[in-house]
Amino acid sequence: MNDWPEGWSDNNRGSGYGHGGASARPEGARVMRQVRRGPAAPPQGAGVPPQPSYVDGHGYGGGDFTNARNTGYDSGYSSGEVYGGGSDGSGGHGTRAARPAPNWRRRIKWTAISVVTVLVVTTVGTYFWADSKLKREVDLSKVIDRPEAGEGTNFLIVGSDSREGMSAEEKKALHTGSADGKRTDSMMILHTGSNGDTLISLPRDSDVEIPSFVGSDSGKRYEGTGRHTKLNAAYAEDGPELLVRTVEFNTGLRIDHYVEIGFAGFASIVDAVGGVEIDIPQDIKDTKSGADLKKGRQTLNGEESLAFVRTRYALAGSDLDRTKNQQKFLAALANQVATPGTVLNPFKLYPTMGAGLDTLIVDKDMGLYDLGSMFFAMKGVNGGDGTSMNMPISGSSGGNLVWDKAKVKQLVSQLKNDEKVTVSGG
C-alpha cells in the first residue's frame, strides 16, 4: 500500500536513503540534506501543497553542490568552515595574534631623558632668574692704587643699617629707628683658599687713615691728608668704593668682591629659611636693639636675629663682643641655607633666594658662583673647617680701636700666600 500522496511513489524519494537503497556510499559519508532558502518548488501533482526543495550536494533533487551555490545558498556545513574564528589576513581563519610584550628598556630610557630634560630646563631657568636679581651696583674699577692680588679670593661683607623699602611699622618692629642714609653696622673679610677659609671681623670703631680716592659719583680726586677716623665713617663719606679703598690702604690686602645687605633683607632671609638655630652665650636685654633673649640654644626669627647681631651696649666687650656674635650668627645662617632641607625644597629655596637676592648689593663682577662659594665658605667656618677672628687689636686711641700693625702685617701675608692662618685676633 502506498501511503504517499497521490502521484508520488517510493521512487520519488530519491536514492532510497534510509530505506536500504542501492547507494554505494557508506552511511558515515552521507551529507545532511540542506534546506534551500529560495522559492518553493512547483507542485509535483494535483492537490499537493508546496514542498521545500532539498539538495544533498550529490545530485539529490536534480542538483549538485555547485548548483546549490549557484542558487544563492551555502550553509557551510559541508565545506568544513569554522565559525567564530579570526582571520589571519590570508583568506584563512586562525587565532588573533598575541600583543607584543612592553619594551621596558625603551620606556626607562625615555623616562630618564624626560626627567633630565626637566631638571636641566629648571636649573637653567633658576640660574637666569637668580642672576637677574643681583644688584650689581658697586664698581670696584673706581678704586685707585690697589694692592696686588694674592692667592685665593677675598670678600668684603658689609651689613648696613639701610632702611630702604621698610614701612614705619617694620622700622618700629625691628627697632631700626628712622635715620636717613645708611651706615655700616658690621664689616668682615672672608678669605677663601686651599688652606682653609678665614673670617675676620673689622670693628666699626677701628682707627683707620682715609687715603686719596676718586669720588664714586663725581669722579673727582680727593688727596689724602693723613686724617684718621672710624672705619664706618669711610662708608658714610663716599659709599662702598671708598670703604674698599680704605680697607685696602690700611691692610695691603686686595678685595676681590663686595657684598652688602640691609636690615630688611637680613630679617627676610632668616624668616624664609624658617629661623636660625644658635646657642646664645648669655642673657641679653638691650632696649636700643630690641633684644630680649635668654641664654641657651634656641631658634631665632628674623626680628630676634637682627636684634641679636646689632646688640653691643649690653655686652661687656661692646663692639668686639658684637662682632663675635655677628660672625657666629652669619656662619649659622649660611649653614642653615646650605642644608638639603632648604636647597632641595623649592618652597624654601625660592623664597630664601628671592629674599636674599632682592636685598643684596654686590660688585659688578660678582656672579652666582662667587656668591655660592662665599656662603659655603661661611658654612665651613661654622663647621670648624676654617678660622674666625677679629682684626688684631693693640689698644685704643680717642675711643677708636687701634690695630696691632705687626700682627696685621703677618695676617695679610698669610692670606696673600693662601697659607694657614696662625695669627690670633683681638
Protein backbone atom coordinates (compact mmCIF):
# COMPACT_ATOMS: atom_id res chain seq x y z
CA MET A 1 0.00 0.00 0.00
CA ASN A 2 1.29 3.40 -0.86
CA ASP A 3 0.91 5.92 1.90
CA TRP A 4 2.40 8.82 -0.04
CA PRO A 5 0.22 11.44 -1.58
CA GLU A 6 -1.39 10.81 -4.91
CA GLY A 7 1.06 10.84 -7.77
CA TRP A 8 4.03 10.03 -5.53
CA SER A 9 5.80 6.75 -5.08
CA ASP A 10 8.80 5.49 -3.24
CA ASN A 11 10.91 6.34 -6.25
CA ASN A 12 10.03 9.97 -5.81
CA ARG A 13 12.00 9.97 -2.58
CA GLY A 14 15.32 9.99 -4.32
CA SER A 15 18.11 7.49 -3.82
CA GLY A 16 16.38 5.41 -1.21
CA TYR A 17 18.44 6.96 1.64
CA GLY A 18 17.27 5.38 4.81
CA HIS A 19 15.37 2.65 3.02
CA GLY A 20 18.10 0.26 2.04
CA GLY A 21 18.72 1.87 -1.29
CA ALA A 22 21.38 0.68 -3.62
CA SER A 23 23.61 3.62 -2.98
CA ALA A 24 27.24 2.63 -2.69
CA ARG A 25 28.04 5.42 -0.24
CA PRO A 26 28.84 4.43 3.31
CA GLU A 27 26.42 5.67 5.87
CA GLY A 28 29.02 7.90 7.53
CA ALA A 29 29.91 9.69 4.32
CA ARG A 30 26.44 10.85 3.54
CA VAL A 31 25.75 14.54 3.84
CA MET A 32 22.93 16.09 5.76
CA ARG A 33 20.28 17.37 3.49
CA GLN A 34 20.21 21.14 3.22
CA VAL A 35 17.23 23.44 3.01
CA ARG A 36 17.21 25.82 0.09
CA ARG A 37 16.21 29.32 1.10
CA GLY A 38 14.54 30.16 -2.17
CA PRO A 39 11.09 29.96 -3.70
CA ALA A 40 9.27 26.71 -3.10
CA ALA A 41 9.44 24.09 -5.86
CA PRO A 42 6.41 23.81 -8.10
CA PRO A 43 3.91 21.19 -7.05
CA GLN A 44 4.52 17.68 -8.35
CA GLY A 45 0.93 16.75 -8.63
CA ALA A 46 -2.59 17.99 -8.25
CA GLY A 47 -3.56 18.79 -4.74
CA VAL A 48 -0.02 18.54 -3.39
CA PRO A 49 0.98 21.51 -1.21
CA PRO A 50 4.27 23.33 -1.93
CA GLN A 51 7.23 21.40 -0.51
CA PRO A 52 10.77 22.55 0.26
CA SER A 53 13.44 21.56 -2.20
CA TYR A 54 16.36 19.51 -0.86
CA VAL A 55 19.89 19.47 -2.11
CA ASP A 56 22.41 16.99 -0.79
CA GLY A 57 25.36 18.15 -2.86
CA HIS A 58 25.48 14.90 -4.82
CA GLY A 59 22.69 15.14 -7.35
CA TYR A 60 19.71 14.78 -4.98
CA GLY A 61 16.79 16.80 -6.27
CA GLY A 62 18.46 17.13 -9.65
CA GLY A 63 21.37 19.32 -8.46
CA ASP A 64 24.87 19.11 -7.03
CA PHE A 65 26.94 21.21 -4.61
CA THR A 66 27.91 23.63 -7.33
CA ASN A 67 24.30 24.16 -8.28
CA ALA A 68 23.48 24.72 -4.64
CA ARG A 69 26.00 27.58 -4.54
CA ASN A 70 24.66 28.98 -7.82
CA THR A 71 21.20 29.17 -6.35
CA GLY A 72 22.48 31.60 -3.75
CA TYR A 73 22.62 29.35 -0.70
CA ASP A 74 25.63 27.86 1.04
CA SER A 75 25.29 26.82 4.62
CA GLY A 76 28.93 25.95 5.05
CA TYR A 77 28.16 22.62 6.76
CA SER A 78 29.83 20.59 4.01
CA SER A 79 32.76 22.94 3.46
CA GLY A 80 34.44 22.41 6.84
CA GLU A 81 34.24 26.10 7.75
CA VAL A 82 34.70 27.01 11.41
CA TYR A 83 32.61 29.90 12.63
CA GLY A 84 33.77 32.41 15.18
CA GLY A 85 37.47 32.19 14.29
CA GLY A 86 39.57 35.22 13.45
CA SER A 87 41.09 35.83 10.06
CA ASP A 88 44.81 35.55 9.67
CA GLY A 89 44.81 38.05 6.86
CA SER A 90 45.45 35.49 4.14
CA GLY A 91 41.92 34.41 3.48
CA GLY A 92 42.02 31.62 6.02
CA HIS A 93 40.84 31.54 9.58
CA GLY A 94 43.03 31.41 12.69
CA THR A 95 43.56 32.81 16.20
CA ARG A 96 44.24 36.54 16.91
CA ALA A 97 47.94 37.48 17.11
CA ALA A 98 49.26 37.95 20.70
CA ARG A 99 50.07 41.52 21.89
CA PRO A 100 53.86 42.08 21.98
CA ALA A 101 55.48 42.42 25.43
CA PRO A 102 56.23 46.04 26.51
CA ASN A 103 59.76 47.27 25.82
CA TRP A 104 60.79 48.31 29.36
CA ARG A 105 64.27 49.34 28.34
CA ARG A 106 62.84 51.82 25.87
CA ARG A 107 60.34 53.14 28.42
CA ILE A 108 63.03 53.61 31.08
CA LYS A 109 65.26 55.34 28.55
CA TRP A 110 62.64 57.91 27.55
CA THR A 111 61.56 58.44 31.16
CA ALA A 112 65.16 59.17 32.13
CA ILE A 113 65.57 61.56 29.19
CA SER A 114 62.38 63.39 30.18
CA VAL A 115 63.46 63.74 33.82
CA VAL A 116 66.92 65.00 32.88
CA THR A 117 65.42 67.49 30.42
CA VAL A 118 63.08 68.89 33.07
CA LEU A 119 65.94 69.20 35.57
CA VAL A 120 68.19 70.96 33.05
CA VAL A 121 65.47 73.39 32.00
CA THR A 122 64.58 74.11 35.64
CA THR A 123 68.22 74.62 36.63
CA VAL A 124 68.98 76.91 33.71
CA GLY A 125 65.78 78.88 34.30
CA THR A 126 66.56 79.25 38.01
CA TYR A 127 70.09 80.40 37.24
CA PHE A 128 68.99 83.18 34.91
CA TRP A 129 66.16 84.17 37.26
CA ALA A 130 68.56 84.44 40.22
CA ASP A 131 71.27 86.14 38.19
CA SER A 132 68.84 88.81 37.04
CA LYS A 133 68.02 89.68 40.67
CA LEU A 134 71.58 90.53 41.72
CA LYS A 135 72.05 94.26 42.23
CA ARG A 136 75.50 94.85 40.75
CA GLU A 137 75.85 98.45 41.86
CA VAL A 138 79.43 98.65 43.17
CA ASP A 139 82.14 99.45 40.64
CA LEU A 140 85.50 98.38 42.03
CA SER A 141 87.23 99.77 38.92
CA LYS A 142 86.78 103.21 40.51
CA VAL A 143 89.07 102.19 43.37
CA ILE A 144 92.58 103.60 42.78
CA ASP A 145 96.08 102.47 43.77
CA ARG A 146 95.04 98.91 44.55
CA PRO A 147 97.34 96.26 46.09
CA GLU A 148 98.48 93.33 44.00
CA ALA A 149 96.20 90.32 44.01
CA GLY A 150 97.26 87.31 46.03
CA GLU A 151 96.20 83.69 46.18
CA GLY A 152 92.61 82.79 46.99
CA THR A 153 89.62 85.13 46.99
CA ASN A 154 88.79 87.95 49.41
CA PHE A 155 85.21 89.12 50.03
CA LEU A 156 84.33 92.28 51.93
CA ILE A 157 80.96 91.54 53.56
CA VAL A 158 79.06 94.55 54.87
CA GLY A 159 75.90 94.74 56.94
CA SER A 160 74.41 98.20 56.54
CA ASP A 161 71.73 99.95 58.56
CA SER A 162 69.83 100.75 55.37
CA ARG A 163 66.09 101.07 55.94
CA GLU A 164 65.26 101.20 52.25
CA GLY A 165 61.83 99.76 51.46
CA MET A 166 60.81 99.43 55.12
CA SER A 167 57.45 100.72 56.33
CA ALA A 168 57.00 102.66 59.56
CA GLU A 169 55.57 99.53 61.21
CA GLU A 170 58.58 97.45 60.14
CA LYS A 171 61.03 100.05 61.43
CA LYS A 172 59.23 100.04 64.77
CA ALA A 173 59.07 96.22 64.97
CA LEU A 174 62.77 95.83 64.10
CA HIS A 175 63.90 98.75 66.34
CA THR A 176 65.90 100.30 63.49
CA GLY A 177 64.98 103.92 64.02
CA SER A 178 64.39 106.27 61.10
CA ALA A 179 67.81 107.77 60.39
CA ASP A 180 68.34 108.94 56.81
CA GLY A 181 71.04 107.46 54.62
CA LYS A 182 72.91 104.34 55.61
CA ARG A 183 75.98 103.37 57.56
CA THR A 184 77.90 100.17 58.05
CA ASP A 185 76.78 98.22 61.08
CA SER A 186 79.27 95.38 60.54
CA MET A 187 82.22 94.64 58.24
CA MET A 188 84.06 91.37 57.65
CA ILE A 189 86.72 90.00 55.34
CA LEU A 190 86.15 86.42 54.20
CA HIS A 191 89.17 84.73 52.63
CA THR A 192 88.58 81.51 50.71
CA GLY A 193 91.50 79.33 49.69
CA SER A 194 93.05 75.88 49.63
CA ASN A 195 94.31 76.03 53.22
CA GLY A 196 91.04 76.69 54.97
CA ASP A 197 88.72 79.69 54.99
CA THR A 198 89.16 82.65 57.31
CA LEU A 199 86.51 85.10 58.52
CA ILE A 200 87.89 88.33 60.00
CA SER A 201 85.69 90.97 61.62
CA LEU A 202 86.63 94.62 61.23
CA PRO A 203 85.21 96.54 64.22
CA ARG A 204 83.28 99.59 63.09
CA ASP A 205 85.24 101.70 65.59
CA SER A 206 88.61 100.67 64.12
CA ASP A 207 91.03 103.59 63.77
CA VAL A 208 91.97 103.99 60.07
CA GLU A 209 93.52 106.57 57.77
CA ILE A 210 91.43 107.90 54.89
CA PRO A 211 93.67 107.73 51.77
CA SER A 212 93.48 109.59 48.48
CA PHE A 213 90.45 108.48 46.48
CA VAL A 214 88.26 109.29 43.48
CA GLY A 215 84.65 110.17 44.22
CA SER A 216 82.29 107.37 43.15
CA ASP A 217 79.75 109.83 41.74
CA SER A 218 81.73 112.96 40.98
CA GLY A 219 84.85 111.28 39.57
CA LYS A 220 86.87 113.98 41.32
CA ARG A 221 90.16 113.04 43.01
CA TYR A 222 90.48 113.79 46.72
CA GLU A 223 94.00 113.78 48.08
CA GLY A 224 94.74 112.10 51.38
CA THR A 225 95.69 114.34 54.28
CA GLY A 226 96.60 111.70 56.86
CA ARG A 227 93.22 112.12 58.50
CA HIS A 228 92.22 109.36 60.91
CA THR A 229 88.66 108.35 61.66
CA LYS A 230 86.50 105.33 62.46
CA LEU A 231 86.22 102.74 59.71
CA ASN A 232 82.46 103.08 59.31
CA ALA A 233 82.92 106.80 58.57
CA ALA A 234 84.58 105.93 55.24
CA TYR A 235 81.36 104.29 54.05
CA ALA A 236 79.28 107.24 55.25
CA GLU A 237 81.57 109.64 53.37
CA ASP A 238 81.56 108.10 49.89
CA GLY A 239 79.96 104.67 49.96
CA PRO A 240 81.27 101.19 49.15
CA GLU A 241 84.07 102.30 46.83
CA LEU A 242 85.75 104.45 49.49
CA LEU A 243 85.24 101.73 52.10
CA VAL A 244 87.05 99.22 49.87
CA ARG A 245 89.79 101.75 49.15
CA THR A 246 90.25 102.42 52.90
CA VAL A 247 90.40 98.72 53.83
CA GLU A 248 92.93 98.01 51.10
CA PHE A 249 95.08 101.00 52.03
CA ASN A 250 95.17 100.14 55.75
CA THR A 251 95.72 96.38 55.31
CA GLY A 252 97.53 95.93 51.99
CA LEU A 253 95.04 93.16 51.10
CA ARG A 254 93.23 93.33 47.77
CA ILE A 255 89.44 92.94 47.93
CA ASP A 256 88.08 90.83 45.06
CA HIS A 257 84.33 91.06 45.75
CA TYR A 258 81.93 93.25 47.72
CA VAL A 259 78.66 92.07 49.29
CA GLU A 260 76.22 94.24 51.26
CA ILE A 261 72.88 93.52 52.92
CA GLY A 262 70.50 95.82 54.79
CA PHE A 263 68.29 95.36 57.84
CA ALA A 264 65.15 94.31 55.99
CA GLY A 265 66.94 91.81 53.77
CA PHE A 266 68.68 90.21 56.72
CA ALA A 267 65.43 89.63 58.61
CA SER A 268 63.66 88.36 55.47
CA ILE A 269 66.32 85.72 54.77
CA VAL A 270 66.09 84.39 58.32
CA ASP A 271 62.30 84.13 58.14
CA ALA A 272 62.45 82.49 54.69
CA VAL A 273 64.57 79.58 55.99
CA GLY A 274 62.30 79.13 59.00
CA GLY A 275 64.60 80.71 61.57
CA VAL A 276 68.19 80.05 62.60
CA GLU A 277 69.23 77.84 65.49
CA ILE A 278 72.02 79.29 67.62
CA ASP A 279 73.48 78.95 71.11
CA ILE A 280 73.33 82.32 72.90
CA PRO A 281 76.16 82.57 75.47
CA GLN A 282 74.34 84.83 77.95
CA ASP A 283 71.05 86.56 78.69
CA ILE A 284 70.75 89.68 76.53
CA LYS A 285 68.43 92.62 77.10
CA ASP A 286 69.06 95.76 75.07
CA THR A 287 66.38 98.43 74.61
CA LYS A 288 68.22 100.04 71.68
CA SER A 289 68.41 96.91 69.54
CA GLY A 290 65.21 95.42 70.96
CA ALA A 291 66.98 92.23 72.10
CA ASP A 292 65.36 90.31 74.94
CA LEU A 293 66.92 86.85 74.74
CA LYS A 294 67.70 84.10 77.21
CA LYS A 295 70.89 82.10 77.41
CA GLY A 296 70.96 78.73 75.63
CA ARG A 297 70.30 77.04 72.28
CA GLN A 298 67.22 78.33 70.51
CA THR A 299 65.80 79.22 67.10
CA LEU A 300 65.58 82.93 66.33
CA ASN A 301 63.19 84.51 63.83
CA GLY A 302 64.10 87.48 61.65
CA GLU A 303 63.26 90.15 64.21
CA GLU A 304 65.12 88.38 67.04
CA SER A 305 68.12 87.67 64.82
CA LEU A 306 68.51 91.29 63.79
CA ALA A 307 68.31 92.38 67.43
CA PHE A 308 70.94 89.81 68.38
CA VAL A 309 73.56 90.86 65.78
CA ARG A 310 73.03 94.58 66.49
CA THR A 311 73.38 94.39 70.27
CA ARG A 312 76.56 95.90 71.72
CA TYR A 313 75.59 98.06 74.70
CA ALA A 314 74.52 95.02 76.73
CA LEU A 315 77.85 93.27 76.12
CA ALA A 316 80.96 93.68 78.25
CA GLY A 317 83.28 93.89 75.23
CA SER A 318 80.92 96.24 73.36
CA ASP A 319 81.77 96.24 69.65
CA LEU A 320 84.37 93.44 69.91
CA ASP A 321 81.83 91.11 71.51
CA ARG A 322 79.24 92.16 68.97
CA THR A 323 81.50 91.22 66.05
CA LYS A 324 81.97 87.76 67.55
CA ASN A 325 78.19 87.32 67.79
CA GLN A 326 77.83 88.51 64.20
CA GLN A 327 80.37 86.00 62.95
CA LYS A 328 78.71 83.21 64.87
CA PHE A 329 75.27 84.07 63.60
CA LEU A 330 76.20 84.59 59.94
CA ALA A 331 78.02 81.26 59.91
CA ALA A 332 74.92 79.57 61.41
CA LEU A 333 72.71 81.27 58.83
CA ALA A 334 74.93 80.10 55.98
CA ASN A 335 74.83 76.59 57.41
CA GLN A 336 71.02 76.69 57.52
CA VAL A 337 70.72 77.98 53.96
CA ALA A 338 73.05 75.28 52.62
CA THR A 339 71.20 72.34 54.18
CA PRO A 340 69.38 69.81 51.93
CA GLY A 341 66.14 70.81 53.68
CA THR A 342 66.48 74.25 52.08
CA VAL A 343 68.33 73.53 48.84
CA LEU A 344 66.11 70.58 47.83
CA ASN A 345 62.83 72.15 48.97
CA PRO A 346 61.55 74.61 46.34
CA PHE A 347 59.07 76.03 48.87
CA LYS A 348 62.06 77.15 50.96
CA LEU A 349 64.75 77.60 48.33
CA TYR A 350 62.97 80.12 46.09
CA PRO A 351 61.65 82.34 48.93
CA THR A 352 65.13 82.31 50.51
CA MET A 353 66.85 83.17 47.25
CA GLY A 354 64.26 85.81 46.47
CA ALA A 355 64.57 87.42 49.90
CA GLY A 356 68.35 87.44 49.76
CA LEU A 357 68.90 88.41 46.15
CA ASP A 358 66.35 91.22 46.27
CA THR A 359 68.31 92.97 49.04
CA LEU A 360 71.93 92.08 48.28
CA ILE A 361 74.17 94.73 46.72
CA VAL A 362 77.30 93.35 45.06
CA ASP A 363 80.12 94.45 42.79
CA LYS A 364 79.75 94.39 39.02
CA ASP A 365 81.96 91.32 38.62
CA MET A 366 80.14 89.18 41.18
CA GLY A 367 78.49 86.03 39.81
CA LEU A 368 76.21 83.42 41.33
CA TYR A 369 79.13 81.01 41.53
CA ASP A 370 81.12 83.54 43.59
CA LEU A 371 78.13 84.13 45.85
CA GLY A 372 77.66 80.41 46.34
CA SER A 373 81.36 79.98 47.18
CA MET A 374 81.03 82.68 49.80
CA PHE A 375 78.08 81.02 51.54
CA PHE A 376 79.66 77.58 51.52
CA ALA A 377 82.91 79.04 52.90
CA MET A 378 80.97 80.63 55.76
CA LYS A 379 79.30 77.29 56.39
CA GLY A 380 82.73 75.66 56.53
CA VAL A 381 83.95 78.19 59.07
CA ASN A 382 80.92 77.41 61.24
CA GLY A 383 81.65 73.68 60.92
CA GLY A 384 85.20 74.05 62.16
CA ASP A 385 86.91 73.83 58.75
CA GLY A 386 88.25 77.38 58.98
CA THR A 387 89.14 80.23 61.30
CA SER A 388 87.05 83.11 62.63
CA MET A 389 88.64 86.04 64.41
CA ASN A 390 88.67 89.78 64.99
CA MET A 391 91.30 92.01 63.46
CA PRO A 392 94.22 92.03 65.94
CA ILE A 393 93.90 94.98 68.32
CA SER A 394 96.73 96.57 70.28
CA GLY A 395 94.76 99.23 72.19
CA SER A 396 92.58 102.30 71.72
CA SER A 397 93.05 105.97 70.93
CA GLY A 398 90.39 108.64 71.32
CA GLY A 399 87.68 105.97 71.54
CA ASN A 400 88.92 104.23 68.40
CA LEU A 401 90.34 100.69 68.37
CA VAL A 402 93.94 100.59 67.17
CA TRP A 403 95.08 97.60 65.12
CA ASP A 404 98.22 95.67 66.02
CA LYS A 405 100.33 96.56 62.98
CA ALA A 406 102.82 93.70 63.34
CA LYS A 407 100.09 91.07 63.61
CA VAL A 408 98.07 92.65 60.82
CA LYS A 409 101.11 92.51 58.53
CA GLN A 410 101.68 88.84 59.34
CA LEU A 411 97.98 88.04 58.89
CA VAL A 412 97.81 89.74 55.50
CA SER A 413 100.98 87.94 54.35
CA GLN A 414 99.45 84.56 55.23
CA LEU A 415 96.21 85.42 53.43
CA LYS A 416 98.01 86.65 50.31
CA ASN A 417 100.04 83.47 50.10
CA ASP A 418 96.98 81.35 50.96
CA GLU A 419 98.73 79.89 53.99
CA LYS A 420 97.16 78.57 57.14
CA VAL A 421 96.39 81.48 59.47
CA THR A 422 98.27 81.32 62.77
CA VAL A 423 97.73 84.88 63.96
CA SER A 424 95.34 85.39 66.85
CA GLY A 425 92.78 88.19 66.77
CA GLY A 426 91.66 90.81 69.26
